[in-house]
Amino acid sequence: MIFHINKYYSFYYLISFMAKKGMIEREKKRIRLHNKYALKRSELLKNYQSEENFTIKLELHSKLQKLPRNSAKTRIRNRCWKTGRPRGFFRDFGVSRNVLREMAHQCVVPGITKSSW
């Protein structure tokens, strides 16, 4: 499965004030590497799982290990499109909890209100 750069990742070019530029560039590199090696990685994994011969399995495993670490999908981190913050991320909105709170206060996000009891 190829990881598509969705609407949240396209905003990485606009981030200029919160996250370090190096972190954002590193994340873009991971996305590029994942897209480059996705087909090869999936084929190797499929062959590895279906193979029954142990020696061939070892060869396939060593080929998998030779691929770059950052080409794995699990290395890609969700980041806030506005601040680049990696933690406290809300998938539904593509922003971190801090930005979501401020957007809710400004009534920018439809359907979200500040709760009080």
PDB file of N, CA and C in Angstrom:
ATOM      1  N   MET A   1       0.832  -1.175   0.000  1.00  0.00           N
ATOM      2  CA  MET A   1       0.000   0.000   0.000  1.00  0.00           C
ATOM      3  C   MET A   1       0.883   1.249   0.000  1.00  0.00           C
ATOM      4  N   ILE A   2       0.661   2.125  -0.941  1.00  0.00           N
ATOM      5  CA  ILE A   2       1.442   3.349  -1.039  1.00  0.00           C
ATOM      6  C   ILE A   2       0.798   4.411  -0.163  1.00  0.00           C
ATOM      7  N   PHE A   3       1.618   5.097   0.608  1.00  0.00           N
ATOM      8  CA  PHE A   3       1.129   6.136   1.506  1.00  0.00           C
ATOM      9  C   PHE A   3       1.015   7.425   0.729  1.00  0.00           C
ATOM     10  N   HIS A   4      -0.181   7.930   0.599  1.00  0.00           N
ATOM     11  CA  HIS A   4      -0.391   9.169  -0.136  1.00  0.00           C
ATOM     12  C   HIS A   4      -0.207  10.356   0.793  1.00  0.00           C
ATOM     13  N   ILE A   5       0.380  11.400   0.272  1.00  0.00           N
ATOM     14  CA  ILE A   5       0.517  12.617   1.046  1.00  0.00           C
ATOM     15  C   ILE A   5      -0.842  13.305   1.007  1.00  0.00           C
ATOM     16  N   ASN A   6      -1.558  13.214   2.127  1.00  0.00           N
ATOM     17  CA  ASN A   6      -2.908  13.744   2.160  1.00  0.00           C
ATOM     18  C   ASN A   6      -2.906  15.228   2.475  1.00  0.00           C
ATOM     19  N   LYS A   7      -4.077  15.766   2.736  1.00  0.00           N
ATOM     20  CA  LYS A   7      -4.202  17.209   2.918  1.00  0.00           C
ATOM     21  C   LYS A   7      -3.412  17.720   4.111  1.00  0.00           C
ATOM     22  N   TYR A   8      -3.175  16.859   5.118  1.00  0.00           N
ATOM     23  CA  TYR A   8      -2.433  17.319   6.281  1.00  0.00           C
ATOM     24  C   TYR A   8      -0.955  17.468   5.966  1.00  0.00           C
ATOM     25  N   TYR A   9      -0.402  16.551   5.178  1.00  0.00           N
ATOM     26  CA  TYR A   9       1.012  16.593   4.890  1.00  0.00           C
ATOM     27  C   TYR A   9       1.359  17.677   3.878  1.00  0.00           C
ATOM     28  N   SER A  10       0.409  18.121   3.076  1.00  0.00           N
ATOM     29  CA  SER A  10       0.702  19.177   2.122  1.00  0.00           C
ATOM     30  C   SER A  10       0.921  20.504   2.828  1.00  0.00           C
ATOM     31  N   PHE A  11       0.453  20.640   4.056  1.00  0.00           N
ATOM     32  CA  PHE A  11       0.643  21.870   4.801  1.00  0.00           C
ATOM     33  C   PHE A  11       2.014  21.945   5.455  1.00  0.00           C
ATOM     34  N   TYR A  12       2.825  20.892   5.361  1.00  0.00           N
ATOM     35  CA  TYR A  12       4.150  20.940   5.961  1.00  0.00           C
ATOM     36  C   TYR A  12       4.989  22.057   5.351  1.00  0.00           C
ATOM     37  N   TYR A  13       4.685  22.416   4.121  1.00  0.00           N
ATOM     38  CA  TYR A  13       5.441  23.477   3.479  1.00  0.00           C
ATOM     39  C   TYR A  13       5.106  24.837   4.091  1.00  0.00           C
ATOM     40  N   LEU A  14       3.928  24.962   4.724  1.00  0.00           N
ATOM     41  CA  LEU A  14       3.504  26.236   5.282  1.00  0.00           C
ATOM     42  C   LEU A  14       3.919  26.431   6.730  1.00  0.00           C
ATOM     43  N   ILE A  15       4.361  25.368   7.391  1.00  0.00           N
ATOM     44  CA  ILE A  15       4.709  25.468   8.802  1.00  0.00           C
ATOM     45  C   ILE A  15       6.013  26.252   8.931  1.00  0.00           C
ATOM     46  N   SER A  16       5.978  27.267   9.760  1.00  0.00           N
ATOM     47  CA  SER A  16       7.198  28.047   9.889  1.00  0.00           C
ATOM     48  C   SER A  16       7.468  28.493  11.310  1.00  0.00           C
ATOM     49  N   PHE A  17       6.605  28.174  12.286  1.00  0.00           N
ATOM     50  CA  PHE A  17       6.825  28.776  13.574  1.00  0.00           C
ATOM     51  C   PHE A  17       6.892  27.830  14.750  1.00  0.00           C
ATOM     52  N   MET A  18       6.381  26.638  14.715  1.00  0.00           N
ATOM     53  CA  MET A  18       6.347  25.848  15.937  1.00  0.00           C
ATOM     54  C   MET A  18       7.372  24.711  15.915  1.00  0.00           C
ATOM     55  N   ALA A  19       7.227  23.786  15.013  1.00  0.00           N
ATOM     56  CA  ALA A  19       8.114  22.626  14.981  1.00  0.00           C
ATOM     57  C   ALA A  19       9.443  22.987  14.312  1.00  0.00           C
ATOM     58  N   LYS A  20      10.483  22.250  14.680  1.00  0.00           N
ATOM     59  CA  LYS A  20      11.772  22.471  14.045  1.00  0.00           C
ATOM     60  C   LYS A  20      11.692  22.070  12.583  1.00  0.00           C
ATOM     61  N   LYS A  21      12.352  22.823  11.750  1.00  0.00           N
ATOM     62  CA  LYS A  21      12.321  22.523  10.314  1.00  0.00           C
ATOM     63  C   LYS A  21      12.934  21.162  10.023  1.00  0.00           C
ATOM     64  N   GLY A  22      13.956  20.804  10.781  1.00  0.00           N
ATOM     65  CA  GLY A  22      14.609  19.515  10.564  1.00  0.00           C
ATOM     66  C   GLY A  22      13.673  18.350  10.804  1.00  0.00           C
ATOM     67  N   MET A  23      12.813  18.478  11.807  1.00  0.00           N
ATOM     68  CA  MET A  23      11.849  17.410  12.098  1.00  0.00           C
ATOM     69  C   MET A  23      10.843  17.265  10.961  1.00  0.00           C
ATOM     70  N   ILE A  24      10.401  18.376  10.444  1.00  0.00           N
ATOM     71  CA  ILE A  24       9.415  18.341   9.359  1.00  0.00           C
ATOM     72  C   ILE A  24      10.047  17.779   8.089  1.00  0.00           C
ATOM     73  N   GLU A  25      11.286  18.183   7.810  1.00  0.00           N
ATOM     74  CA  GLU A  25      11.991  17.654   6.638  1.00  0.00           C
ATOM     75  C   GLU A  25      12.234  16.158   6.780  1.00  0.00           C
ATOM     76  N   ARG A  26      12.552  15.725   7.996  1.00  0.00           N
ATOM     77  CA  ARG A  26      12.756  14.301   8.259  1.00  0.00           C
ATOM     78  C   ARG A  26      11.474  13.522   7.997  1.00  0.00           C
ATOM     79  N   GLU A  27      10.336  14.106   8.387  1.00  0.00           N
ATOM     80  CA  GLU A  27       9.043  13.453   8.168  1.00  0.00           C
ATOM     81  C   GLU A  27       8.725  13.362   6.669  1.00  0.00           C
ATOM     82  N   LYS A  28       9.029  14.419   5.927  1.00  0.00           N
ATOM     83  CA  LYS A  28       8.816  14.389   4.475  1.00  0.00           C
ATOM     84  C   LYS A  28       9.706  13.339   3.822  1.00  0.00           C
ATOM     85  N   LYS A  29      10.925  13.200   4.336  1.00  0.00           N
ATOM     86  CA  LYS A  29      11.841  12.182   3.811  1.00  0.00           C
ATOM     87  C   LYS A  29      11.288  10.790   4.057  1.00  0.00           C
ATOM     88  N   ARG A  30      10.719  10.574   5.253  1.00  0.00           N
ATOM     89  CA  ARG A  30      10.121   9.268   5.551  1.00  0.00           C
ATOM     90  C   ARG A  30       8.972   8.959   4.607  1.00  0.00           C
ATOM     91  N   ILE A  31       8.167   9.950   4.302  1.00  0.00           N
ATOM     92  CA  ILE A  31       7.046   9.746   3.376  1.00  0.00           C
ATOM     93  C   ILE A  31       7.570   9.390   1.990  1.00  0.00           C
ATOM     94  N   ARG A  32       8.601  10.105   1.533  1.00  0.00           N
ATOM     95  CA  ARG A  32       9.195   9.800   0.226  1.00  0.00           C
ATOM     96  C   ARG A  32       9.766   8.389   0.191  1.00  0.00           C
ATOM     97  N   LEU A  33      10.492   8.006   1.243  1.00  0.00           N
ATOM     98  CA  LEU A  33      11.087   6.669   1.293  1.00  0.00           C
ATOM     99  C   LEU A  33      10.014   5.590   1.335  1.00  0.00           C
ATOM    100  N   HIS A  34       8.948   5.842   2.079  1.00  0.00           N
ATOM    101  CA  HIS A  34       7.872   4.860   2.140  1.00  0.00           C
ATOM    102  C   HIS A  34       7.247   4.667   0.762  1.00  0.00           C
ATOM    103  N   ASN A  35       6.997   5.755   0.065  1.00  0.00           N
ATOM    104  CA  ASN A  35       6.413   5.655  -1.276  1.00  0.00           C
ATOM    105  C   ASN A  35       7.351   4.941  -2.242  1.00  0.00           C
ATOM    106  N   LYS A  36       8.645   5.146  -2.076  1.00  0.00           N
ATOM    107  CA  LYS A  36       9.626   4.535  -2.973  1.00  0.00           C
ATOM    108  C   LYS A  36       9.720   3.020  -2.774  1.00  0.00           C
ATOM    109  N   TYR A  37       9.716   2.569  -1.520  1.00  0.00           N
ATOM    110  CA  TYR A  37       9.949   1.156  -1.216  1.00  0.00           C
ATOM    111  C   TYR A  37       8.682   0.374  -0.847  1.00  0.00           C
ATOM    112  N   ALA A  38       7.515   0.984  -0.941  1.00  0.00           N
ATOM    113  CA  ALA A  38       6.289   0.324  -0.488  1.00  0.00           C
ATOM    114  C   ALA A  38       6.011  -0.973  -1.252  1.00  0.00           C
ATOM    115  N   LEU A  39       6.135  -0.934  -2.563  1.00  0.00           N
ATOM    116  CA  LEU A  39       5.850  -2.123  -3.372  1.00  0.00           C
ATOM    117  C   LEU A  39       6.854  -3.244  -3.080  1.00  0.00           C
ATOM    118  N   LYS A  40       8.122  -2.896  -3.028  1.00  0.00           N
ATOM    119  CA  LYS A  40       9.157  -3.895  -2.762  1.00  0.00           C
ATOM    120  C   LYS A  40       8.982  -4.511  -1.379  1.00  0.00           C
ATOM    121  N   ARG A  41       8.702  -3.673  -0.387  1.00  0.00           N
ATOM    122  CA  ARG A  41       8.511  -4.156   0.987  1.00  0.00           C
ATOM    123  C   ARG A  41       7.302  -5.084   1.076  1.00  0.00           C
ATOM    124  N   SER A  42       6.198  -4.718   0.428  1.00  0.00           N
ATOM    125  CA  SER A  42       4.991  -5.553   0.504  1.00  0.00           C
ATOM    126  C   SER A  42       5.203  -6.898  -0.186  1.00  0.00           C
ATOM    127  N   GLU A  43       5.921  -6.903  -1.312  1.00  0.00           N
ATOM    128  CA  GLU A  43       6.202  -8.173  -1.996  1.00  0.00           C
ATOM    129  C   GLU A  43       7.094  -9.076  -1.145  1.00  0.00           C
ATOM    130  N   LEU A  44       8.127  -8.495  -0.541  1.00  0.00           N
ATOM    131  CA  LEU A  44       9.008  -9.286   0.317  1.00  0.00           C
ATOM    132  C   LEU A  44       8.257  -9.850   1.518  1.00  0.00           C
ATOM    133  N   LEU A  45       7.400  -9.040   2.121  1.00  0.00           N
ATOM    134  CA  LEU A  45       6.623  -9.518   3.266  1.00  0.00           C
ATOM    135  C   LEU A  45       5.667 -10.633   2.876  1.00  0.00           C
ATOM    136  N   LYS A  46       5.028 -10.473   1.724  1.00  0.00           N
ATOM    137  CA  LYS A  46       4.096 -11.504   1.257  1.00  0.00           C
ATOM    138  C   LYS A  46       4.830 -12.815   0.994  1.00  0.00           C
ATOM    139  N   ASN A  47       5.986 -12.722   0.347  1.00  0.00           N
ATOM    140  CA  ASN A  47       6.779 -13.929   0.079  1.00  0.00           C
ATOM    141  C   ASN A  47       7.292 -14.548   1.374  1.00  0.00           C
ATOM    142  N   TYR A  48       7.698 -13.714   2.317  1.00  0.00           N
ATOM    143  CA  TYR A  48       8.207 -14.194   3.601  1.00  0.00           C
ATOM    144  C   TYR A  48       7.121 -14.957   4.370  1.00  0.00           C
ATOM    145  N   GLN A  49       5.915 -14.428   4.372  1.00  0.00           N
ATOM    146  CA  GLN A  49       4.829 -15.061   5.125  1.00  0.00           C
ATOM    147  C   GLN A  49       4.338 -16.351   4.482  1.00  0.00           C
ATOM    148  N   SER A  50       4.437 -16.428   3.159  1.00  0.00           N
ATOM    149  CA  SER A  50       3.937 -17.625   2.486  1.00  0.00           C
ATOM    150  C   SER A  50       5.000 -18.731   2.365  1.00  0.00           C
ATOM    151  N   GLU A  51       6.269 -18.366   2.546  1.00  0.00           N
ATOM    152  CA  GLU A  51       7.361 -19.336   2.395  1.00  0.00           C
ATOM    153  C   GLU A  51       7.408 -20.304   3.579  1.00  0.00           C
ATOM    154  N   GLU A  52       7.709 -21.582   3.275  1.00  0.00           N
ATOM    155  CA  GLU A  52       7.801 -22.594   4.320  1.00  0.00           C
ATOM    156  C   GLU A  52       9.231 -23.071   4.552  1.00  0.00           C
ATOM    157  N   ASN A  53      10.083 -22.916   3.550  1.00  0.00           N
ATOM    158  CA  ASN A  53      11.481 -23.328   3.673  1.00  0.00           C
ATOM    159  C   ASN A  53      12.228 -22.319   4.549  1.00  0.00           C
ATOM    160  N   PHE A  54      12.901 -22.814   5.580  1.00  0.00           N
ATOM    161  CA  PHE A  54      13.540 -21.942   6.562  1.00  0.00           C
ATOM    162  C   PHE A  54      14.702 -21.137   5.981  1.00  0.00           C
ATOM    163  N   THR A  55      15.518 -21.762   5.134  1.00  0.00           N
ATOM    164  CA  THR A  55      16.676 -21.046   4.578  1.00  0.00           C
ATOM    165  C   THR A  55      16.236 -19.916   3.651  1.00  0.00           C
ATOM    166  N   ILE A  56      15.204 -20.165   2.877  1.00  0.00           N
ATOM    167  CA  ILE A  56      14.686 -19.109   1.991  1.00  0.00           C
ATOM    168  C   ILE A  56      14.066 -17.988   2.822  1.00  0.00           C
ATOM    169  N   LYS A  57      13.421 -18.377   3.918  1.00  0.00           N
ATOM    170  CA  LYS A  57      12.849 -17.371   4.819  1.00  0.00           C
ATOM    171  C   LYS A  57      13.937 -16.466   5.391  1.00  0.00           C
ATOM    172  N   LEU A  58      15.069 -17.052   5.742  1.00  0.00           N
ATOM    173  CA  LEU A  58      16.181 -16.255   6.258  1.00  0.00           C
ATOM    174  C   LEU A  58      16.710 -15.281   5.211  1.00  0.00           C
ATOM    175  N   GLU A  59      16.790 -15.735   3.962  1.00  0.00           N
ATOM    176  CA  GLU A  59      17.246 -14.858   2.884  1.00  0.00           C
ATOM    177  C   GLU A  59      16.274 -13.694   2.682  1.00  0.00           C
ATOM    178  N   LEU A  60      14.986 -14.005   2.695  1.00  0.00           N
ATOM    179  CA  LEU A  60      13.982 -12.946   2.526  1.00  0.00           C
ATOM    180  C   LEU A  60      14.031 -11.967   3.701  1.00  0.00           C
ATOM    181  N   HIS A  61      14.260 -12.499   4.887  1.00  0.00           N
ATOM    182  CA  HIS A  61      14.333 -11.641   6.062  1.00  0.00           C
ATOM    183  C   HIS A  61      15.538 -10.692   5.982  1.00  0.00           C
ATOM    184  N   SER A  62      16.661 -11.211   5.498  1.00  0.00           N
ATOM    185  CA  SER A  62      17.845 -10.355   5.372  1.00  0.00           C
ATOM    186  C   SER A  62      17.622  -9.279   4.303  1.00  0.00           C
ATOM    187  N   LYS A  63      16.880  -9.603   3.238  1.00  0.00           N
ATOM    188  CA  LYS A  63      16.547  -8.598   2.221  1.00  0.00           C
ATOM    189  C   LYS A  63      15.644  -7.521   2.810  1.00  0.00           C
ATOM    190  N   LEU A  64      14.717  -7.947   3.653  1.00  0.00           N
ATOM    191  CA  LEU A  64      13.840  -6.973   4.312  1.00  0.00           C
ATOM    192  C   LEU A  64      14.634  -6.049   5.229  1.00  0.00           C
ATOM    193  N   GLN A  65      15.608  -6.605   5.917  1.00  0.00           N
ATOM    194  CA  GLN A  65      16.409  -5.803   6.839  1.00  0.00           C
ATOM    195  C   GLN A  65      17.322  -4.826   6.121  1.00  0.00           C
ATOM    196  N   LYS A  66      17.651  -5.112   4.864  1.00  0.00           N
ATOM    197  CA  LYS A  66      18.519  -4.218   4.103  1.00  0.00           C
ATOM    198  C   LYS A  66      17.784  -2.978   3.598  1.00  0.00           C
ATOM    199  N   LEU A  67      16.454  -3.014   3.608  1.00  0.00           N
ATOM    200  CA  LEU A  67      15.693  -1.821   3.220  1.00  0.00           C
ATOM    201  C   LEU A  67      15.878  -0.739   4.283  1.00  0.00           C
ATOM    202  N   PRO A  68      15.786   0.518   3.898  1.00  0.00           N
ATOM    203  CA  PRO A  68      15.942   1.590   4.891  1.00  0.00           C
ATOM    204  C   PRO A  68      14.871   1.519   5.976  1.00  0.00           C
ATOM    205  N   ARG A  69      15.261   1.811   7.196  1.00  0.00           N
ATOM    206  CA  ARG A  69      14.305   1.776   8.301  1.00  0.00           C
ATOM    207  C   ARG A  69      13.170   2.773   8.102  1.00  0.00           C
ATOM    208  N   ASN A  70      13.511   3.933   7.609  1.00  0.00           N
ATOM    209  CA  ASN A  70      12.506   4.975   7.451  1.00  0.00           C
ATOM    210  C   ASN A  70      11.535   4.716   6.313  1.00  0.00           C
ATOM    211  N   SER A  71      11.702   3.613   5.600  1.00  0.00           N
ATOM    212  CA  SER A  71      10.753   3.292   4.538  1.00  0.00           C
ATOM    213  C   SER A  71       9.548   2.510   5.080  1.00  0.00           C
ATOM    214  N   ALA A  72       9.572   2.163   6.366  1.00  0.00           N
ATOM    215  CA  ALA A  72       8.431   1.455   6.961  1.00  0.00           C
ATOM    216  C   ALA A  72       7.325   2.448   7.279  1.00  0.00           C
ATOM    217  N   LYS A  73       6.097   2.014   7.091  1.00  0.00           N
ATOM    218  CA  LYS A  73       4.951   2.905   7.320  1.00  0.00           C
ATOM    219  C   LYS A  73       4.817   3.295   8.783  1.00  0.00           C
ATOM    220  N   THR A  74       5.239   2.425   9.680  1.00  0.00           N
ATOM    221  CA  THR A  74       5.093   2.716  11.101  1.00  0.00           C
ATOM    222  C   THR A  74       6.012   3.848  11.562  1.00  0.00           C
ATOM    223  N   ARG A  75       7.006   4.204  10.760  1.00  0.00           N
ATOM    224  CA  ARG A  75       7.909   5.291  11.135  1.00  0.00           C
ATOM    225  C   ARG A  75       7.299   6.662  10.859  1.00  0.00           C
ATOM    226  N   ILE A  76       6.236   6.709  10.040  1.00  0.00           N
ATOM    227  CA  ILE A  76       5.600   7.987   9.699  1.00  0.00           C
ATOM    228  C   ILE A  76       4.751   8.442  10.869  1.00  0.00           C
ATOM    229  N   ARG A  77       4.913   9.682  11.256  1.00  0.00           N
ATOM    230  CA  ARG A  77       4.229  10.236  12.421  1.00  0.00           C
ATOM    231  C   ARG A  77       3.193  11.265  11.980  1.00  0.00           C
ATOM    232  N   ASN A  78       2.002  11.201  12.562  1.00  0.00           N
ATOM    233  CA  ASN A  78       0.996  12.224  12.290  1.00  0.00           C
ATOM    234  C   ASN A  78       1.419  13.516  12.961  1.00  0.00           C
ATOM    235  N   ARG A  79       1.321  14.613  12.233  1.00  0.00           N
ATOM    236  CA  ARG A  79       1.689  15.909  12.777  1.00  0.00           C
ATOM    237  C   ARG A  79       0.600  16.931  12.487  1.00  0.00           C
ATOM    238  N   CYS A  80       0.494  17.898  13.383  1.00  0.00           N
ATOM    239  CA  CYS A  80      -0.453  18.995  13.223  1.00  0.00           C
ATOM    240  C   CYS A  80      -0.061  19.805  11.994  1.00  0.00           C
ATOM    241  N   TRP A  81      -1.030  20.139  11.146  1.00  0.00           N
ATOM    242  CA  TRP A  81      -0.699  20.875   9.928  1.00  0.00           C
ATOM    243  C   TRP A  81      -0.366  22.329  10.217  1.00  0.00           C
ATOM    244  N   LYS A  82      -0.794  22.844  11.345  1.00  0.00           N
ATOM    245  CA  LYS A  82      -0.542  24.250  11.654  1.00  0.00           C
ATOM    246  C   LYS A  82       0.746  24.452  12.440  1.00  0.00           C
ATOM    247  N   THR A  83       0.985  23.612  13.431  1.00  0.00           N
ATOM    248  CA  THR A  83       2.152  23.799  14.290  1.00  0.00           C
ATOM    249  C   THR A  83       3.229  22.747  14.094  1.00  0.00           C
ATOM    250  N   GLY A  84       2.899  21.613  13.501  1.00  0.00           N
ATOM    251  CA  GLY A  84       3.869  20.539  13.338  1.00  0.00           C
ATOM    252  C   GLY A  84       4.041  19.689  14.574  1.00  0.00           C
ATOM    253  N   ARG A  85       3.172  19.876  15.558  1.00  0.00           N
ATOM    254  CA  ARG A  85       3.273  19.141  16.829  1.00  0.00           C
ATOM    255  C   ARG A  85       2.922  17.673  16.608  1.00  0.00           C
ATOM    256  N   PRO A  86       3.767  16.728  17.079  1.00  0.00           N
ATOM    257  CA  PRO A  86       3.505  15.315  16.833  1.00  0.00           C
ATOM    258  C   PRO A  86       2.598  14.652  17.867  1.00  0.00           C
ATOM    259  N   ARG A  87       2.417  15.273  19.014  1.00  0.00           N
ATOM    260  CA  ARG A  87       1.616  14.657  20.073  1.00  0.00           C
ATOM    261  C   ARG A  87       0.295  15.380  20.231  1.00  0.00           C
ATOM    262  N   GLY A  88      -0.674  14.660  20.780  1.00  0.00           N
ATOM    263  CA  GLY A  88      -1.990  15.255  20.982  1.00  0.00           C
ATOM    264  C   GLY A  88      -2.677  15.550  19.663  1.00  0.00           C
ATOM    265  N   PHE A  89      -2.526  14.656  18.706  1.00  0.00           N
ATOM    266  CA  PHE A  89      -3.025  14.848  17.341  1.00  0.00           C
ATOM    267  C   PHE A  89      -4.440  14.288  17.217  1.00  0.00           C
ATOM    268  N   PHE A  90      -5.351  15.071  16.636  1.00  0.00           N
ATOM    269  CA  PHE A  90      -6.712  14.624  16.353  1.00  0.00           C
ATOM    270  C   PHE A  90      -6.819  14.327  14.866  1.00  0.00           C
ATOM    271  N   ARG A  91      -7.050  13.067  14.525  1.00  0.00           N
ATOM    272  CA  ARG A  91      -7.108  12.667  13.120  1.00  0.00           C
ATOM    273  C   ARG A  91      -8.268  13.309  12.371  1.00  0.00           C
ATOM    274  N   ASP A  92      -9.388  13.480  13.047  1.00  0.00           N
ATOM    275  CA  ASP A  92     -10.568  14.024  12.381  1.00  0.00           C
ATOM    276  C   ASP A  92     -10.326  15.422  11.831  1.00  0.00           C
ATOM    277  N   PHE A  93      -9.488  16.179  12.500  1.00  0.00           N
ATOM    278  CA  PHE A  93      -9.272  17.564  12.107  1.00  0.00           C
ATOM    279  C   PHE A  93      -7.869  17.815  11.569  1.00  0.00           C
ATOM    280  N   GLY A  94      -6.927  16.936  11.870  1.00  0.00           N
ATOM    281  CA  GLY A  94      -5.565  17.096  11.393  1.00  0.00           C
ATOM    282  C   GLY A  94      -4.768  18.117  12.173  1.00  0.00           C
ATOM    283  N   VAL A  95      -5.216  18.435  13.390  1.00  0.00           N
ATOM    284  CA  VAL A  95      -4.519  19.419  14.210  1.00  0.00           C
ATOM    285  C   VAL A  95      -4.262  18.850  15.598  1.00  0.00           C
ATOM    286  N   SER A  96      -3.395  19.530  16.336  1.00  0.00           N
ATOM    287  CA  SER A  96      -3.117  19.100  17.699  1.00  0.00           C
ATOM    288  C   SER A  96      -4.204  19.626  18.630  1.00  0.00           C
ATOM    289  N   ARG A  97      -4.181  19.159  19.859  1.00  0.00           N
ATOM    290  CA  ARG A  97      -5.225  19.525  20.813  1.00  0.00           C
ATOM    291  C   ARG A  97      -5.229  21.015  21.121  1.00  0.00           C
ATOM    292  N   ASN A  98      -4.043  21.630  21.138  1.00  0.00           N
ATOM    293  CA  ASN A  98      -3.962  23.057  21.425  1.00  0.00           C
ATOM    294  C   ASN A  98      -4.607  23.887  20.320  1.00  0.00           C
ATOM    295  N   VAL A  99      -4.311  23.535  19.087  1.00  0.00           N
ATOM    296  CA  VAL A  99      -4.864  24.265  17.951  1.00  0.00           C
ATOM    297  C   VAL A  99      -6.365  24.030  17.864  1.00  0.00           C
ATOM    298  N   LEU A 100      -6.799  22.788  18.129  1.00  0.00           N
ATOM    299  CA  LEU A 100      -8.222  22.484  18.096  1.00  0.00           C
ATOM    300  C   LEU A 100      -8.980  23.304  19.133  1.00  0.00           C
ATOM    301  N   ARG A 101      -8.387  23.453  20.302  1.00  0.00           N
ATOM    302  CA  ARG A 101      -9.020  24.235  21.366  1.00  0.00           C
ATOM    303  C   ARG A 101      -9.169  25.701  20.946  1.00  0.00           C
ATOM    304  N   GLU A 102      -8.103  26.258  20.364  1.00  0.00           N
ATOM    305  CA  GLU A 102      -8.181  27.651  19.934  1.00  0.00           C
ATOM    306  C   GLU A 102      -9.156  27.831  18.786  1.00  0.00           C
ATOM    307  N   MET A 103      -9.188  26.868  17.869  1.00  0.00           N
ATOM    308  CA  MET A 103     -10.132  26.952  16.750  1.00  0.00           C
ATOM    309  C   MET A 103     -11.570  26.836  17.245  1.00  0.00           C
ATOM    310  N   ALA A 104     -11.795  26.007  18.265  1.00  0.00           N
ATOM    311  CA  ALA A 104     -13.135  25.869  18.829  1.00  0.00           C
ATOM    312  C   ALA A 104     -13.564  27.160  19.519  1.00  0.00           C
ATOM    313  N   HIS A 105     -12.646  27.819  20.198  1.00  0.00           N
ATOM    314  CA  HIS A 105     -12.962  29.090  20.851  1.00  0.00           C
ATOM    315  C   HIS A 105     -13.305  30.171  19.828  1.00  0.00           C
ATOM    316  N   GLN A 106     -12.670  30.109  18.667  1.00  0.00           N
ATOM    317  CA  GLN A 106     -12.919  31.093  17.618  1.00  0.00           C
ATOM    318  C   GLN A 106     -14.098  30.709  16.725  1.00  0.00           C
ATOM    319  N   CYS A 107     -14.739  29.563  17.037  1.00  0.00           N
ATOM    320  CA  CYS A 107     -15.887  29.039  16.268  1.00  0.00           C
ATOM    321  C   CYS A 107     -15.523  28.762  14.809  1.00  0.00           C
ATOM    322  N   VAL A 108     -14.324  28.299  14.589  1.00  0.00           N
ATOM    323  CA  VAL A 108     -13.871  27.964  13.244  1.00  0.00           C
ATOM    324  C   VAL A 108     -14.270  26.536  12.880  1.00  0.00           C
ATOM    325  N   VAL A 109     -14.273  25.636  13.866  1.00  0.00           N
ATOM    326  CA  VAL A 109     -14.597  24.239  13.640  1.00  0.00           C
ATOM    327  C   VAL A 109     -16.093  24.051  13.859  1.00  0.00           C
ATOM    328  N   PRO A 110     -16.832  23.605  12.849  1.00  0.00           N
ATOM    329  CA  PRO A 110     -18.275  23.429  13.021  1.00  0.00           C
ATOM    330  C   PRO A 110     -18.605  22.237  13.912  1.00  0.00           C
ATOM    331  N   GLY A 111     -19.592  22.417  14.773  1.00  0.00           N
ATOM    332  CA  GLY A 111     -20.069  21.327  15.617  1.00  0.00           C
ATOM    333  C   GLY A 111     -19.342  21.162  16.921  1.00  0.00           C
ATOM    334  N   ILE A 112     -18.359  21.986  17.191  1.00  0.00           N
ATOM    335  CA  ILE A 112     -17.617  21.871  18.442  1.00  0.00           C
ATOM    336  C   ILE A 112     -17.890  23.120  19.286  1.00  0.00           C
ATOM    337  N   THR A 113     -18.301  22.877  20.518  1.00  0.00           N
ATOM    338  CA  THR A 113     -18.542  23.990  21.430  1.00  0.00           C
ATOM    339  C   THR A 113     -17.813  23.705  22.736  1.00  0.00           C
ATOM    340  N   LYS A 114     -17.534  24.738  23.466  1.00  0.00           N
ATOM    341  CA  LYS A 114     -16.888  24.578  24.754  1.00  0.00           C
ATOM    342  C   LYS A 114     -17.926  24.054  25.735  1.00  0.00           C
ATOM    343  N   SER A 115     -17.568  22.981  26.427  1.00  0.00           N
ATOM    344  CA  SER A 115     -18.541  22.383  27.354  1.00  0.00           C
ATOM    345  C   SER A 115     -18.471  23.091  28.694  1.00  0.00           C
ATOM    346  N   SER A 116     -19.621  23.208  29.339  1.00  0.00           N
ATOM    347  CA  SER A 116     -19.671  23.778  30.684  1.00  0.00           C
ATOM    348  C   SER A 116     -20.786  23.078  31.450  1.00  0.00           C
ATOM    349  N   TRP A 117     -20.568  22.847  32.722  1.00  0.00           N
ATOM    350  CA  TRP A 117     -21.584  22.197  33.538  1.00  0.00           C
ATOM    351  C   TRP A 117     -21.562  22.731  34.936  1.00  0.00           C
TER     352      TRP A 117
END
